[in-house]
């Protein structure tokens, strides 16, 4: 999304090293079962998949979950029926939009935030179209700022 809302061309990024999927690297002190138990434990604590991956990397030395397990973290959560109905990246964008709308109700002169809100909501709409097309969300699902605020308050 770099080209749409910025001056960059979006081709500079870090790339993951080439590894064999499902093969545990040498020197690893953690097993596949322990990783799955940790994923389930952290998900029960209410962590998002991004936070789970970050914590596994920082505290347990698991750089890439897919390298150890052969499947992605969200696939593990889906098999354990621990994924939310709305994908976490969409939920994070909706949370940001709700906070921006609350800020705008108190600070009506903040034009810069109004522009940023439009950009965040355009990302939400674009992501919504993708998830509807991929059948992750129902076909009649639409982003509504008031419903999003109720949904976010229910999660908090």
Protein backbone atom coordinates (compact mmCIF):
# COMPACT_ATOMS: atom_id res chain seq x y z
CA UNK A 1 0.00 0.00 0.00
CA UNK A 2 2.99 2.27 -0.11
CA UNK A 3 2.31 3.70 -3.53
CA UNK A 4 -1.26 4.60 -2.82
CA UNK A 5 -0.75 6.71 0.29
CA UNK A 6 2.88 7.76 0.16
CA UNK A 7 5.74 8.95 -1.99
CA UNK A 8 7.70 5.68 -2.00
CA UNK A 9 7.47 2.96 -4.59
CA UNK A 10 7.16 0.18 -2.05
CA UNK A 11 9.82 -2.26 -3.28
CA UNK A 12 12.34 -1.91 -0.44
CA UNK A 13 11.58 -4.47 2.26
CA UNK A 14 13.19 -7.12 4.35
CA UNK A 15 12.98 -10.63 3.00
CA UNK A 16 12.83 -13.80 5.03
CA UNK A 17 15.76 -16.17 4.66
CA UNK A 18 15.21 -19.28 2.56
CA UNK A 19 14.48 -22.18 4.90
CA UNK A 20 12.98 -25.62 4.57
CA UNK A 21 9.45 -25.59 5.89
CA UNK A 22 8.72 -28.14 8.62
CA UNK A 23 12.39 -28.78 9.39
CA UNK A 24 13.53 -27.72 12.84
CA UNK A 25 16.84 -25.84 12.73
CA UNK A 26 19.83 -27.18 14.57
CA UNK A 27 20.31 -25.92 18.10
CA UNK A 28 16.59 -25.38 18.71
CA UNK A 29 15.59 -26.10 22.30
CA UNK A 30 11.83 -26.05 21.76
CA UNK A 31 9.65 -28.75 20.17
CA UNK A 32 6.61 -28.53 17.91
CA UNK A 33 4.25 -29.58 20.69
CA UNK A 34 5.62 -26.92 23.03
CA UNK A 35 5.15 -24.25 20.36
CA UNK A 36 1.52 -25.28 19.81
CA UNK A 37 0.88 -25.25 23.57
CA UNK A 38 2.36 -21.76 23.82
CA UNK A 39 0.26 -20.54 20.88
CA UNK A 40 -2.92 -21.85 22.52
CA UNK A 41 -1.92 -20.42 25.91
CA UNK A 42 -1.25 -16.97 24.49
CA UNK A 43 -4.45 -17.02 22.42
CA UNK A 44 -6.46 -17.85 25.55
CA UNK A 45 -4.89 -14.80 27.20
CA UNK A 46 -6.42 -12.71 24.39
CA UNK A 47 -3.28 -11.98 22.36
CA UNK A 48 -3.54 -11.26 18.66
CA UNK A 49 -1.62 -13.48 16.20
CA UNK A 50 0.92 -10.70 15.66
CA UNK A 51 1.63 -10.45 19.39
CA UNK A 52 1.85 -14.23 19.72
CA UNK A 53 4.44 -14.40 16.96
CA UNK A 54 6.40 -11.53 18.45
CA UNK A 55 6.41 -13.11 21.89
CA UNK A 56 7.49 -16.51 20.57
CA UNK A 57 10.33 -14.83 18.71
CA UNK A 58 11.49 -12.67 21.61
CA UNK A 59 11.07 -15.04 24.57
CA UNK A 60 11.41 -18.51 23.10
CA UNK A 61 13.73 -18.03 20.13
CA UNK A 62 11.28 -19.15 17.45
CA UNK A 63 12.07 -16.90 14.47
CA UNK A 64 9.50 -18.37 12.06
CA UNK A 65 6.64 -20.51 13.28
CA UNK A 66 6.03 -21.90 9.82
CA UNK A 67 9.60 -23.20 9.73
CA UNK A 68 8.98 -25.25 12.87
CA UNK A 69 5.38 -26.39 12.39
CA UNK A 70 5.02 -26.45 8.62
CA UNK A 71 1.85 -24.32 8.86
CA UNK A 72 1.19 -20.66 9.61
CA UNK A 73 0.24 -19.38 13.03
CA UNK A 74 -3.28 -18.49 11.90
CA UNK A 75 -3.71 -22.03 10.57
CA UNK A 76 -2.81 -23.40 14.00
CA UNK A 77 -5.31 -21.05 15.64
CA UNK A 78 -7.98 -21.97 13.07
CA UNK A 79 -7.48 -25.70 13.69
CA UNK A 80 -7.94 -25.08 17.44
CA UNK A 81 -11.01 -22.87 16.71
CA UNK A 82 -9.40 -19.86 18.41
CA UNK A 83 -9.55 -17.33 15.56
CA UNK A 84 -12.01 -14.47 15.76
CA UNK A 85 -14.77 -13.97 13.21
CA UNK A 86 -13.08 -10.82 11.94
CA UNK A 87 -9.40 -11.08 10.90
CA UNK A 88 -6.96 -9.40 13.26
CA UNK A 89 -5.52 -6.97 10.70
CA UNK A 90 -8.99 -5.70 9.83
CA UNK A 91 -9.85 -5.45 13.51
CA UNK A 92 -6.70 -3.40 14.18
CA UNK A 93 -7.58 -0.98 11.37
CA UNK A 94 -11.13 -0.66 12.70
CA UNK A 95 -9.77 0.04 16.19
CA UNK A 96 -7.58 2.80 14.73
CA UNK A 97 -10.52 4.30 12.84
CA UNK A 98 -12.68 4.29 15.98
CA UNK A 99 -9.97 6.10 17.95
CA UNK A 100 -9.57 8.65 15.14
CA UNK A 101 -13.32 9.28 14.99
CA UNK A 102 -13.44 9.81 18.76
CA UNK A 103 -10.56 12.28 18.44
CA UNK A 104 -12.36 14.12 15.63
CA UNK A 105 -15.54 14.53 17.69
CA UNK A 106 -13.51 16.41 20.32
CA UNK A 107 -11.22 18.24 17.87
CA UNK A 108 -13.30 19.27 14.88
CA UNK A 109 -10.58 21.54 13.47
CA UNK A 110 -8.06 18.72 13.10
CA UNK A 111 -7.98 18.48 9.29
CA UNK A 112 -4.84 16.35 9.28
CA UNK A 113 -6.55 13.64 11.32
CA UNK A 114 -9.57 13.81 9.01
CA UNK A 115 -7.33 13.04 6.05
CA UNK A 116 -5.69 10.16 7.94
CA UNK A 117 -9.13 8.79 8.85
CA UNK A 118 -10.12 8.74 5.17
CA UNK A 119 -6.96 6.80 4.37
CA UNK A 120 -7.49 4.27 7.15
CA UNK A 121 -11.10 3.75 6.11
CA UNK A 122 -10.10 3.25 2.48
CA UNK A 123 -7.73 0.52 3.67
CA UNK A 124 -10.59 -1.03 5.64
CA UNK A 125 -12.87 -1.03 2.59
CA UNK A 126 -10.16 -2.50 0.37
CA UNK A 127 -9.35 -5.22 2.91
CA UNK A 128 -13.06 -5.93 3.35
CA UNK A 129 -13.44 -6.52 -0.39
CA UNK A 130 -10.51 -8.95 -0.28
CA UNK A 131 -11.88 -10.91 2.69
CA UNK A 132 -15.36 -11.12 1.16
CA UNK A 133 -13.84 -12.34 -2.11
CA UNK A 134 -11.80 -14.97 -0.22
CA UNK A 135 -14.91 -16.03 1.79
CA UNK A 136 -13.34 -15.11 5.12
CA UNK A 137 -16.18 -12.65 5.77
CA UNK A 138 -19.83 -13.13 4.75
CA UNK A 139 -20.83 -11.73 1.36
CA UNK A 140 -23.13 -9.11 2.92
CA UNK A 141 -20.54 -7.81 5.44
CA UNK A 142 -20.03 -4.04 5.27
CA UNK A 143 -17.90 -1.68 7.33
CA UNK A 144 -20.03 0.69 9.36
CA UNK A 145 -18.28 3.13 11.73
CA UNK A 146 -21.02 2.96 14.39
CA UNK A 147 -21.10 -0.85 14.33
CA UNK A 148 -17.30 -0.93 14.43
CA UNK A 149 -17.33 1.23 17.56
CA UNK A 150 -19.77 -1.14 19.26
CA UNK A 151 -17.69 -4.13 18.17
CA UNK A 152 -14.47 -2.59 19.49
CA UNK A 153 -16.08 -1.67 22.82
CA UNK A 154 -17.34 -5.24 23.14
CA UNK A 155 -13.81 -6.62 22.61
CA UNK A 156 -12.17 -4.23 25.11
